[in-house]
Structure formats: C-alpha cells, structure tokens
Amino acid sequence: MAIVAIIGRPNVGKSTLFNRLIGKRQAIVDEYSGVTRDRHYGKSDWGGREFSVVDTGGFVKETDDRFEKEIAKQVKIAMEEASLILFAVDAAFGIHELDRDVAQLLRKSKKPVLLVANKVDTPAKESTSYEFYELGFDQIFPISAINGGGTGDLLDEVINLLPEEEDPEDIELPRISIVGRPNAGKSSFVNALLGNDRNIVTEVAGTTRDSIDTHYNAYGFEFTLVDTAGIRKKAKVHEDLEFYSVMRAIRTIENSDVCILMIDAAEGIGQQDINIFGLIEKNRKGVVVLVNKWDLIEKETNSAMEYEKELKQKLAPFNDVPILFTSVTEKQRIHKALQTALDVYKRRTQRIKTNKLNEVMLPIIEWTPPPATKGKYIKVKYVQQLPTHAPTFAFYCNLPQYIKESYKRFIENQMREKFDFTGVPIQIFFRKK
C-alpha cells in the first residue's frame, strides 16, 4: 500500500488536511495516533484505492536553527519512504522562508510532489495561491482543509500519481514480518534465521521501493520474510529514528500476512508496542507476540504465566493471541515462533463453509438471542463468510440496527471458541435480510 506524506512548516494546516483525508469520508478504514509522540497516520480511500497518510508535523523546538534541522530531517524521511509527498503551504500567509527551505529539498527528490495551498476558503481567494509558483512546482492545488474545498481534485491527482498496486493473487507464500520497538531483538532474530541457513533460495526485490523480501526455505519452513528497512542495510539518510520506525512499521505491516511482534522482556510492553499491536489489528493481520530476552529475567514458578496474564490485560480487548517466550541469542524457540506464525496464517486464510457456520452458530444464537429492543425481537436467519482477504462474517437478520456492541463481542467470542481464530482479528457484521 502506498504512503502519502504531508510535509510543511508549522501552522499551515497539515493536521487539518490529514483529518480531512482520513477522517471525513465514508470509506475511511481507520486512524491511529501516538506511535511516536504526536505523529499521526491513518488509511484513506478514494475512488476505491486505499493508501496510508502520514502527518509529519510537530517538531517545533526552542530555536529556529534547531527547528529547521528537525523539519529537514522529516522532509528527508518522507523523500526516502513515501510514495507521494503533499507539500502544504499557507495561502493566507503567503510564502515563508521555511517554505523555501522545504521546497529546495523536495525539488531535489525523485518523488512526485503536489503543492497544496491551504486556507483558500472561498473561490474568490484562489488567486492568493498563485504566488507559490515561485517555489518551482508545475501545479498548485488550492484547497480548504477545514471545509473540504478543492480536496476532491487533489485526491484525484493523488490516485493518478500513486504506483500501481500489486495483485494479492500473485502472492502465494505466507508473508511474515518481525516488528517492534528498537533494541527488542528484531535484527538478531532475522540474523538467526538468515545468517546460518544454507537453504535460503533467493532474495527478490520487494513490492515497495527499497524493501527486500527474502524467500525463506529451511528446516521445513517456507515463507516470504518481509524485511524492515535497516535490518540488513543502512538507511540512506540520518533520520529521526522514532519517526522513521513509524513509516517502516506502516509499510511492513501492510505488506504482511502475519506479524511477529517482538517485545523486550526486561522493559515489558510499552505504549509504542501497544500502538504497533493496534496497527496490526486494525489492518487485520495475523499476530504472534514474542517476548525476547527471557533468559535475562529472574524467574519464579509462575513467572511466564503471570507475565502472559499482564500482557493480555494490556492488549485487551483483542487478546486472543499466541504469546511465546524466547531468547534469540540462545536461539530458544525460534522455530517454534515460525511454526506458530504459520499456524496463525492458516487460521487467517481458512474458509468456513456456510452450512458449517449455520450448523454451529444458529443454535448458539437461538439459545442466547440478541436482546429485544423497544419490544422488537431480532431474528438471525443465516450466517456467511464474506470473500475478503481477512476473516469477515455477515449475520443476516431482520433488525441489524438494534444489535448492540456487547452482543457482537459475544458472537465474536463464540466464533473464536468454535473455529479457533487465535492470533487473527476477525470482523463481524449484522446485515438486513
């Protein structure tokens, strides 16, 4: 999935544009924030094409010099990782010196850049954007992020310039990635897999620029390892590592079927781990939690059990996930982690026949029906798995609008118990029949 980065100096309306792109449309998938400080990213849909949006604002420091260094870092990261850059400027203010600095860097990049003149709140103000041609870009998109004016034309051009998507049907092997915070042991895990294995057949260019996918075929396992930038090569820019890790995580997760989320046992699960886990869930990818450096922890009789219980509490409500304890340096349970990830992949790709679904679920619903609302009784007639890449189920009934979230959670728990979706986010819809 392509990444669109919004770049610009403070107070030009980047966050408002971000919210407009990912939060004000019917087809929006979801929004996430906070993986690193005030970084924001989400998924948007326009004309049936999904893409990720990244807001790069927020690096304002005490001195102008420090700020200029930080904004330059963000621009360089966007040039390195994004598929397309939206260069946001303030048409009401006019050209600022920092606009010129950003423009100079962007003109040197090989990425497509769209100059977005924000705060053009009425058609009469469109002429205020013309002075930005001085920055050297061929086309200006005058918009009002706050009311949506002009954003349709902008999005049309965004879709036109994004690289073509890979057909998922061309991907046959499971795609497994290792994600997590820095220093959790991801690189050591990958090196343990790749460094000593003689049976890796080939490395091929990935589906996204500067990503290397490795075809792993050893010890009875065969899958595509979705590599994260920086594990086997140095980044081309000296970047702010936290921000870079956000863009890397987005790309890696979206290109995966199953993610192994690695956590440092000594540090425990932190907010960034939880947010990365949320990214995996919201993208409906399979997940295995791997607690690394377990050999360094002083243990008592129930240490692992208590640690797992605490982890699941922090991961709730989606905590039906396999949790393994390992030491990458000691090569403990590395192959167990791979086997578990492949098991999750099988659960994620399973297709349950309609007659089996109805045979199992309808008696449960009949025994515990949805609560009546306003004297109206809800009757579920049949269940069907929808033809999507991640497990999605439709329950057809007479009054779907009266189904409460608590009942949906009950049905999901029953589905997990009866059909084993451990490690797999599932979606359940109630539809009119």
Protein backbone atom coordinates (compact mmCIF):
# COMPACT_ATOMS: atom_id res chain seq x y z
CA MET A 1 0.00 0.00 0.00
CA ALA A 2 1.30 3.43 -0.96
CA ILE A 3 2.27 6.04 1.64
CA VAL A 4 1.33 9.70 1.18
CA ALA A 5 3.26 12.07 3.47
CA ILE A 6 2.11 15.60 4.32
CA ILE A 7 5.09 17.96 4.66
CA GLY A 8 5.23 21.63 5.59
CA ARG A 9 6.16 24.19 8.21
CA PRO A 10 4.02 24.68 11.36
CA ASN A 11 0.57 26.27 11.22
CA VAL A 12 -0.17 25.65 7.55
CA GLY A 13 -2.98 23.22 8.37
CA LYS A 14 -1.22 19.87 7.90
CA SER A 15 -3.15 18.17 10.69
CA THR A 16 -6.44 19.59 9.43
CA LEU A 17 -5.64 18.26 5.96
CA PHE A 18 -4.69 14.92 7.48
CA ASN A 19 -8.01 14.72 9.33
CA ARG A 20 -9.85 15.69 6.16
CA LEU A 21 -8.17 12.91 4.18
CA ILE A 22 -8.63 10.12 6.70
CA GLY A 23 -11.47 11.19 8.96
CA LYS A 24 -14.24 12.83 6.98
CA ARG A 25 -15.05 10.26 4.34
CA GLN A 26 -17.41 7.31 4.38
CA ALA A 27 -14.77 4.91 3.04
CA ILE A 28 -12.16 5.57 5.71
CA VAL A 29 -10.78 2.41 7.26
CA ASP A 30 -9.32 3.71 10.50
CA GLU A 31 -6.98 6.19 12.17
CA TYR A 32 -4.12 5.64 14.56
CA SER A 33 -2.07 8.14 16.50
CA GLY A 34 0.67 8.24 19.06
CA VAL A 35 3.12 5.54 17.98
CA THR A 36 5.78 8.21 18.32
CA ARG A 37 4.93 11.34 20.22
CA ASP A 38 2.50 13.40 18.13
CA ARG A 39 2.96 11.50 14.88
CA HIS A 40 -0.32 10.64 13.17
CA TYR A 41 -1.06 8.20 10.43
CA GLY A 42 -4.15 6.58 9.01
CA LYS A 43 -5.67 4.93 5.99
CA SER A 44 -7.77 6.65 3.36
CA ASP A 45 -9.79 5.53 0.37
CA TRP A 46 -10.57 7.50 -2.76
CA GLY A 47 -12.10 6.08 -5.89
CA GLY A 48 -11.70 2.56 -4.49
CA ARG A 49 -7.94 2.98 -3.93
CA GLU A 50 -6.60 2.68 -0.38
CA PHE A 51 -3.44 4.42 0.76
CA SER A 52 -1.75 5.42 4.00
CA VAL A 53 -1.48 9.05 5.06
CA VAL A 54 1.28 10.35 7.36
CA ASP A 55 1.24 13.74 9.09
CA THR A 56 4.80 14.90 9.70
CA GLY A 57 4.06 17.93 11.86
CA GLY A 58 5.16 18.63 15.38
CA PHE A 59 8.91 19.09 15.56
CA VAL A 60 8.94 22.61 16.95
CA LYS A 61 11.98 23.36 19.11
CA GLU A 62 13.17 26.35 21.11
CA THR A 63 15.35 27.89 18.42
CA ASP A 64 14.83 28.46 14.73
CA ASP A 65 18.05 26.69 13.85
CA ARG A 66 17.06 23.57 15.76
CA PHE A 67 13.62 23.57 14.19
CA GLU A 68 14.98 23.91 10.69
CA LYS A 69 17.22 20.92 11.29
CA GLU A 70 14.30 18.85 12.54
CA ILE A 71 11.94 19.76 9.70
CA ALA A 72 14.71 18.96 7.23
CA LYS A 73 15.02 15.51 8.80
CA GLN A 74 11.31 14.90 8.31
CA VAL A 75 11.42 16.02 4.70
CA LYS A 76 14.33 13.67 4.03
CA ILE A 77 12.50 10.77 5.67
CA ALA A 78 9.44 11.47 3.53
CA MET A 79 11.58 11.61 0.39
CA GLU A 80 13.09 8.25 1.34
CA GLU A 81 9.95 6.35 2.33
CA ALA A 82 6.81 7.97 0.91
CA SER A 83 5.33 7.16 -2.48
CA LEU A 84 4.00 10.70 -2.85
CA ILE A 85 4.50 13.97 -0.94
CA LEU A 86 1.89 16.63 -0.28
CA PHE A 87 3.77 19.90 0.30
CA ALA A 88 1.38 22.04 2.35
CA VAL A 89 1.68 25.84 2.44
CA ASP A 90 -0.50 28.62 3.88
CA ALA A 91 -2.12 30.66 1.11
CA ALA A 92 -3.49 33.19 3.60
CA PHE A 93 0.00 33.94 4.93
CA GLY A 94 1.98 33.73 1.72
CA ILE A 95 5.48 32.38 1.18
CA HIS A 96 7.52 31.85 4.34
CA GLU A 97 11.29 31.36 4.36
CA LEU A 98 10.81 27.83 5.73
CA ASP A 99 8.58 27.08 2.71
CA ARG A 100 11.56 27.88 0.51
CA ASP A 101 13.82 25.57 2.53
CA VAL A 102 11.39 22.68 2.24
CA ALA A 103 10.80 23.35 -1.45
CA GLN A 104 14.53 23.31 -2.14
CA LEU A 105 14.87 19.83 -0.60
CA LEU A 106 11.77 18.50 -2.35
CA ARG A 107 12.86 19.70 -5.76
CA LYS A 108 15.98 17.55 -5.43
CA SER A 109 13.96 14.41 -4.69
CA LYS A 110 12.78 11.96 -7.30
CA LYS A 111 9.39 11.60 -5.60
CA PRO A 112 6.23 13.13 -7.02
CA VAL A 113 5.31 16.26 -5.07
CA LEU A 114 1.95 18.05 -5.08
CA LEU A 115 2.00 21.63 -3.81
CA VAL A 116 -1.12 22.15 -1.70
CA ALA A 117 -2.07 25.77 -0.96
CA ASN A 118 -4.29 25.53 2.10
CA LYS A 119 -6.71 28.04 3.64
CA VAL A 120 -8.27 29.02 0.32
CA ASP A 121 -11.68 29.10 1.98
CA THR A 122 -13.63 30.69 -0.87
CA PRO A 123 -13.25 30.63 -4.68
CA ALA A 124 -12.53 34.35 -4.59
CA LYS A 125 -9.35 33.67 -2.59
CA GLU A 126 -7.94 31.21 -5.13
CA SER A 127 -5.68 33.89 -6.61
CA THR A 128 -3.84 34.11 -3.28
CA SER A 129 -2.23 30.77 -4.08
CA TYR A 130 -0.61 31.88 -7.34
CA GLU A 131 2.49 33.36 -5.72
CA PHE A 132 3.57 29.84 -4.72
CA TYR A 133 4.51 29.10 -8.33
CA GLU A 134 7.69 30.91 -7.30
CA LEU A 135 8.66 27.74 -5.39
CA GLY A 136 9.20 25.92 -8.68
CA PHE A 137 6.37 23.37 -8.88
CA ASP A 138 4.29 22.91 -12.00
CA GLN A 139 0.86 22.78 -10.43
CA ILE A 140 -0.79 24.21 -7.32
CA PHE A 141 -3.85 22.70 -5.66
CA PRO A 142 -5.75 25.44 -3.80
CA ILE A 143 -7.81 23.82 -1.06
CA SER A 144 -9.56 24.47 2.21
CA ALA A 145 -8.74 21.58 4.51
CA ILE A 146 -11.20 22.85 7.09
CA ASN A 147 -14.26 22.70 4.80
CA GLY A 148 -13.03 20.28 2.13
CA GLY A 149 -12.99 22.69 -0.79
CA GLY A 150 -10.67 21.52 -3.57
CA THR A 151 -9.71 18.25 -1.87
CA GLY A 152 -11.57 16.17 -4.44
CA ASP A 153 -9.36 17.45 -7.27
CA LEU A 154 -6.30 16.92 -5.07
CA LEU A 155 -7.24 13.32 -4.31
CA ASP A 156 -7.94 12.61 -7.97
CA GLU A 157 -4.35 13.61 -8.73
CA VAL A 158 -3.01 11.67 -5.74
CA ILE A 159 -4.60 8.49 -7.08
CA ASN A 160 -3.32 9.25 -10.55
CA LEU A 161 0.28 9.52 -9.34
CA LEU A 162 0.40 6.62 -6.90
CA PRO A 163 2.29 3.50 -8.06
CA GLU A 164 0.21 0.56 -9.20
CA GLU A 165 -0.78 -1.91 -6.52
CA GLU A 166 0.45 -5.47 -6.60
CA ASP A 167 -2.24 -8.03 -7.24
CA PRO A 168 -2.59 -10.00 -3.98
CA GLU A 169 -3.40 -13.10 -6.01
CA ASP A 170 0.21 -13.14 -7.20
CA ILE A 171 1.38 -13.74 -3.63
CA GLU A 172 1.36 -17.46 -2.89
CA LEU A 173 3.65 -17.90 0.10
CA PRO A 174 2.77 -16.58 3.57
CA ARG A 175 4.30 -13.17 4.19
CA ILE A 176 5.71 -12.92 7.71
CA SER A 177 7.37 -9.88 9.26
CA ILE A 178 9.09 -9.11 12.54
CA VAL A 179 8.09 -5.78 14.06
CA GLY A 180 8.56 -3.97 17.33
CA ARG A 181 10.46 -1.23 19.09
CA PRO A 182 14.18 -0.65 18.54
CA ASN A 183 16.50 -2.95 20.52
CA ALA A 184 13.85 -5.59 21.16
CA GLY A 185 15.94 -8.10 19.20
CA LYS A 186 14.35 -7.96 15.74
CA SER A 187 17.66 -7.78 13.90
CA SER A 188 19.09 -10.64 15.95
CA PHE A 189 16.02 -12.72 15.19
CA VAL A 190 16.33 -12.11 11.45
CA ASN A 191 20.05 -12.76 11.53
CA ALA A 192 19.47 -16.01 13.42
CA LEU A 193 17.14 -17.05 10.60
CA LEU A 194 19.24 -15.84 7.70
CA GLY A 195 22.83 -15.88 8.88
CA ASN A 196 23.41 -19.61 9.23
CA ASP A 197 20.79 -21.10 6.94
CA ARG A 198 22.23 -22.54 3.75
CA ASN A 199 18.88 -23.28 2.13
CA ILE A 200 17.60 -19.77 1.51
CA VAL A 201 16.99 -19.81 -2.20
CA THR A 202 16.73 -16.24 -3.32
CA GLU A 203 16.32 -12.60 -2.42
CA VAL A 204 13.97 -10.65 -4.64
CA ALA A 205 13.01 -7.01 -4.85
CA GLY A 206 10.03 -6.26 -2.67
CA THR A 207 6.70 -4.80 -3.63
CA THR A 208 7.73 -1.41 -2.26
CA ARG A 209 10.83 0.62 -3.01
CA ASP A 210 13.98 -0.21 -1.04
CA SER A 211 12.38 -3.21 0.65
CA ILE A 212 13.90 -6.64 0.30
CA ASP A 213 11.70 -9.72 0.61
CA THR A 214 13.53 -12.94 1.38
CA HIS A 215 12.25 -16.31 0.26
CA TYR A 216 12.94 -18.48 3.29
CA ASN A 217 13.09 -22.23 2.72
CA ALA A 218 14.80 -24.11 5.53
CA TYR A 219 14.08 -26.60 8.34
CA GLY A 220 10.72 -27.46 6.81
CA PHE A 221 9.51 -23.84 6.72
CA GLU A 222 8.78 -21.92 3.56
CA PHE A 223 7.53 -18.35 3.55
CA THR A 224 8.40 -14.82 2.45
CA LEU A 225 10.17 -12.83 5.14
CA VAL A 226 9.06 -9.21 4.83
CA ASP A 227 12.20 -7.35 5.80
CA THR A 228 12.14 -3.99 7.53
CA ALA A 229 14.42 -1.28 6.19
CA GLY A 230 17.58 -1.04 8.22
CA ILE A 231 17.81 -4.66 9.35
CA ARG A 232 20.20 -5.71 6.61
CA LYS A 233 21.13 -2.36 5.18
CA LYS A 234 21.75 1.16 6.39
CA ALA A 235 19.19 3.85 5.78
CA LYS A 236 20.25 6.36 3.16
CA VAL A 237 19.62 9.32 5.44
CA HIS A 238 20.47 10.10 9.04
CA GLU A 239 16.93 10.27 10.26
CA ASP A 240 14.92 10.75 13.40
CA LEU A 241 14.71 7.07 14.33
CA GLU A 242 11.31 7.19 16.00
CA PHE A 243 9.63 8.80 13.03
CA TYR A 244 11.40 6.52 10.59
CA SER A 245 10.23 3.49 12.59
CA VAL A 246 6.61 4.64 12.23
CA MET A 247 6.78 4.75 8.45
CA ARG A 248 8.70 1.49 8.42
CA ALA A 249 6.09 -0.16 10.65
CA ILE A 250 3.22 1.01 8.45
CA ARG A 251 4.84 -0.35 5.31
CA THR A 252 5.97 -3.61 6.88
CA ILE A 253 2.62 -4.42 8.49
CA GLU A 254 0.59 -3.59 5.41
CA ASN A 255 2.78 -5.88 3.29
CA SER A 256 2.43 -8.82 5.70
CA ASP A 257 0.01 -11.64 6.34
CA VAL A 258 1.31 -12.32 9.84
CA CYS A 259 3.41 -10.08 12.11
CA ILE A 260 5.66 -11.34 14.88
CA LEU A 261 5.59 -8.52 17.44
CA MET A 262 8.81 -8.70 19.44
CA ILE A 263 8.86 -7.30 22.98
CA ASP A 264 11.85 -6.84 25.29
CA ALA A 265 11.11 -8.97 28.36
CA ALA A 266 13.07 -6.66 30.67
CA GLU A 267 11.31 -3.50 29.53
CA GLY A 268 7.86 -5.04 29.31
CA ILE A 269 5.14 -3.92 26.94
CA GLY A 270 5.16 -0.17 26.39
CA GLN A 271 2.77 2.23 24.72
CA GLN A 272 4.63 2.04 21.43
CA ASP A 273 4.30 -1.78 21.49
CA ILE A 274 0.57 -1.42 22.14
CA ASN A 275 0.21 1.04 19.28
CA ILE A 276 2.10 -1.22 16.89
CA PHE A 277 -0.16 -4.06 18.03
CA GLY A 278 -3.13 -1.77 17.28
CA LEU A 279 -1.77 -1.19 13.78
CA ILE A 280 -1.62 -4.94 13.22
CA GLU A 281 -5.17 -5.43 14.49
CA LYS A 282 -6.65 -2.53 12.53
CA ASN A 283 -5.01 -3.80 9.35
CA ARG A 284 -6.50 -7.22 10.17
CA LYS A 285 -3.18 -9.06 10.02
CA GLY A 286 -2.33 -12.17 12.00
CA VAL A 287 -0.13 -11.64 15.05
CA VAL A 288 2.21 -13.58 17.32
CA VAL A 289 3.70 -11.88 20.39
CA LEU A 290 7.30 -12.90 21.04
CA VAL A 291 8.76 -11.95 24.42
CA ASN A 292 12.52 -11.84 23.82
CA LYS A 293 15.48 -11.86 26.26
CA TRP A 294 13.58 -14.17 28.58
CA ASP A 295 16.89 -15.70 29.64
CA LEU A 296 17.77 -12.43 31.41
CA ILE A 297 14.69 -12.44 33.65
CA GLU A 298 14.82 -13.79 37.19
CA LYS A 299 12.06 -16.36 37.32
CA GLU A 300 9.74 -17.87 39.89
CA THR A 301 7.32 -20.75 39.49
CA ASN A 302 4.61 -18.82 37.65
CA SER A 303 6.69 -16.07 36.05
CA ALA A 304 5.68 -16.82 32.44
CA MET A 305 2.03 -17.31 33.38
CA GLU A 306 1.87 -14.02 35.28
CA TYR A 307 3.74 -12.16 32.53
CA GLU A 308 1.33 -13.52 29.90
CA LYS A 309 -1.69 -12.54 32.01
CA GLU A 310 -0.40 -8.98 32.34
CA LEU A 311 0.32 -8.80 28.60
CA LYS A 312 -3.19 -9.91 27.69
CA GLN A 313 -4.72 -7.36 30.03
CA LYS A 314 -2.82 -4.57 28.26
CA LEU A 315 -3.71 -5.92 24.80
CA ALA A 316 -7.44 -6.20 25.56
CA PRO A 317 -9.97 -6.35 24.07
CA PHE A 318 -8.19 -8.27 21.28
CA ASN A 319 -6.01 -10.55 23.37
CA ASP A 320 -6.71 -13.94 21.78
CA VAL A 321 -3.11 -14.09 20.58
CA PRO A 322 -0.30 -16.65 20.97
CA ILE A 323 2.47 -15.45 23.32
CA LEU A 324 5.88 -17.15 23.27
CA PHE A 325 8.91 -16.58 25.48
CA THR A 326 12.27 -16.75 23.77
CA SER A 327 15.92 -15.83 23.81
CA VAL A 328 17.17 -15.03 20.35
CA THR A 329 20.82 -15.02 21.45
CA GLU A 330 20.35 -18.54 22.86
CA LYS A 331 18.20 -19.48 19.84
CA GLN A 332 15.40 -20.63 22.11
CA ARG A 333 12.02 -21.27 20.44
CA ILE A 334 12.94 -19.51 17.19
CA HIS A 335 11.49 -22.30 15.10
CA LYS A 336 8.53 -22.52 17.46
CA ALA A 337 7.84 -18.86 16.69
CA LEU A 338 7.90 -19.58 12.95
CA GLN A 339 5.61 -22.57 13.32
CA THR A 340 3.18 -20.52 15.40
CA ALA A 341 3.20 -17.73 12.81
CA LEU A 342 2.42 -20.22 10.04
CA ASP A 343 -0.38 -21.69 12.16
CA VAL A 344 -1.84 -18.20 12.53
CA TYR A 345 -1.57 -17.78 8.75
CA LYS A 346 -3.62 -20.96 8.23
CA ARG A 347 -6.29 -19.71 10.63
CA ARG A 348 -6.37 -16.34 8.89
CA THR A 349 -6.85 -17.90 5.46
CA GLN A 350 -9.33 -20.59 6.47
CA ARG A 351 -12.67 -20.65 4.69
CA ILE A 352 -15.61 -21.97 6.68
CA LYS A 353 -18.45 -23.41 4.66
CA THR A 354 -21.80 -21.70 5.02
CA ASN A 355 -23.59 -24.86 6.13
CA LYS A 356 -21.00 -25.45 8.85
CA LEU A 357 -21.28 -21.86 10.07
CA ASN A 358 -25.05 -22.10 10.32
CA GLU A 359 -24.91 -25.52 11.91
CA VAL A 360 -22.69 -24.22 14.70
CA MET A 361 -23.76 -20.61 15.19
CA LEU A 362 -27.55 -20.62 14.74
CA PRO A 363 -28.19 -22.89 17.77
CA ILE A 364 -25.96 -20.62 19.89
CA ILE A 365 -27.90 -17.57 18.74
CA GLU A 366 -31.20 -19.31 19.33
CA TRP A 367 -30.12 -20.24 22.85
CA THR A 368 -28.77 -16.72 23.54
CA PRO A 369 -30.62 -14.37 21.16
CA PRO A 370 -29.95 -10.65 20.80
CA PRO A 371 -31.84 -8.66 23.45
CA ALA A 372 -35.17 -7.27 22.30
CA THR A 373 -35.26 -3.51 21.80
CA LYS A 374 -38.42 -1.41 22.12
CA GLY A 375 -40.47 -4.59 22.12
CA LYS A 376 -38.96 -5.72 18.83
CA TYR A 377 -37.39 -9.17 18.58
CA ILE A 378 -34.31 -9.77 16.45
CA LYS A 379 -34.18 -12.93 14.38
CA VAL A 380 -30.88 -14.04 12.83
CA LYS A 381 -31.66 -16.10 9.73
CA TYR A 382 -28.28 -17.27 8.46
CA VAL A 383 -24.52 -16.67 8.56
CA GLN A 384 -21.99 -16.39 5.75
CA GLN A 385 -18.25 -15.80 5.45
CA LEU A 386 -17.55 -12.95 3.06
CA PRO A 387 -14.95 -13.25 0.25
CA THR A 388 -12.33 -10.98 1.84
CA HIS A 389 -8.61 -11.48 2.49
CA ALA A 390 -9.12 -11.33 6.28
CA PRO A 391 -11.87 -13.35 8.03
CA THR A 392 -15.14 -11.42 7.81
CA PHE A 393 -18.60 -12.77 8.60
CA ALA A 394 -22.09 -11.47 7.87
CA PHE A 395 -25.03 -12.37 10.11
CA TYR A 396 -28.26 -11.67 8.24
CA CYS A 397 -31.22 -10.64 10.38
CA ASN A 398 -34.42 -8.61 10.37
CA LEU A 399 -33.30 -5.66 12.54
CA PRO A 400 -29.50 -5.26 12.35
CA GLN A 401 -29.64 -1.65 13.57
CA TYR A 402 -30.65 -2.83 17.05
CA ILE A 403 -27.68 -5.16 17.57
CA LYS A 404 -25.55 -3.84 20.44
CA GLU A 405 -21.75 -3.92 20.60
CA SER A 406 -21.85 -6.20 23.62
CA TYR A 407 -23.74 -8.82 21.61
CA LYS A 408 -21.27 -8.50 18.73
CA ARG A 409 -18.45 -9.21 21.20
CA PHE A 410 -20.36 -12.24 22.48
CA ILE A 411 -20.72 -13.58 18.93
CA GLU A 412 -17.04 -12.96 18.21
CA ASN A 413 -16.03 -14.85 21.34
CA GLN A 414 -18.22 -17.76 20.29
CA MET A 415 -16.70 -17.74 16.80
CA ARG A 416 -13.21 -17.81 18.29
CA GLU A 417 -14.10 -20.67 20.60
CA LYS A 418 -15.76 -22.82 17.94
CA PHE A 419 -13.45 -22.18 14.96
CA ASP A 420 -10.09 -21.20 16.53
CA PHE A 421 -9.08 -17.76 15.35
CA THR A 422 -6.23 -17.37 17.82
CA GLY A 423 -3.93 -14.61 16.62
CA VAL A 424 -6.36 -13.45 13.92
CA PRO A 425 -8.52 -10.31 14.02
CA ILE A 426 -11.98 -11.04 12.65
CA GLN A 427 -14.80 -8.78 11.56
CA ILE A 428 -18.49 -9.42 12.20
CA PHE A 429 -21.33 -7.53 10.54
CA PHE A 430 -25.07 -7.77 11.05
CA ARG A 431 -26.92 -7.09 7.81
CA LYS A 432 -30.52 -6.68 6.76
CA LYS A 433 -32.26 -9.71 5.27
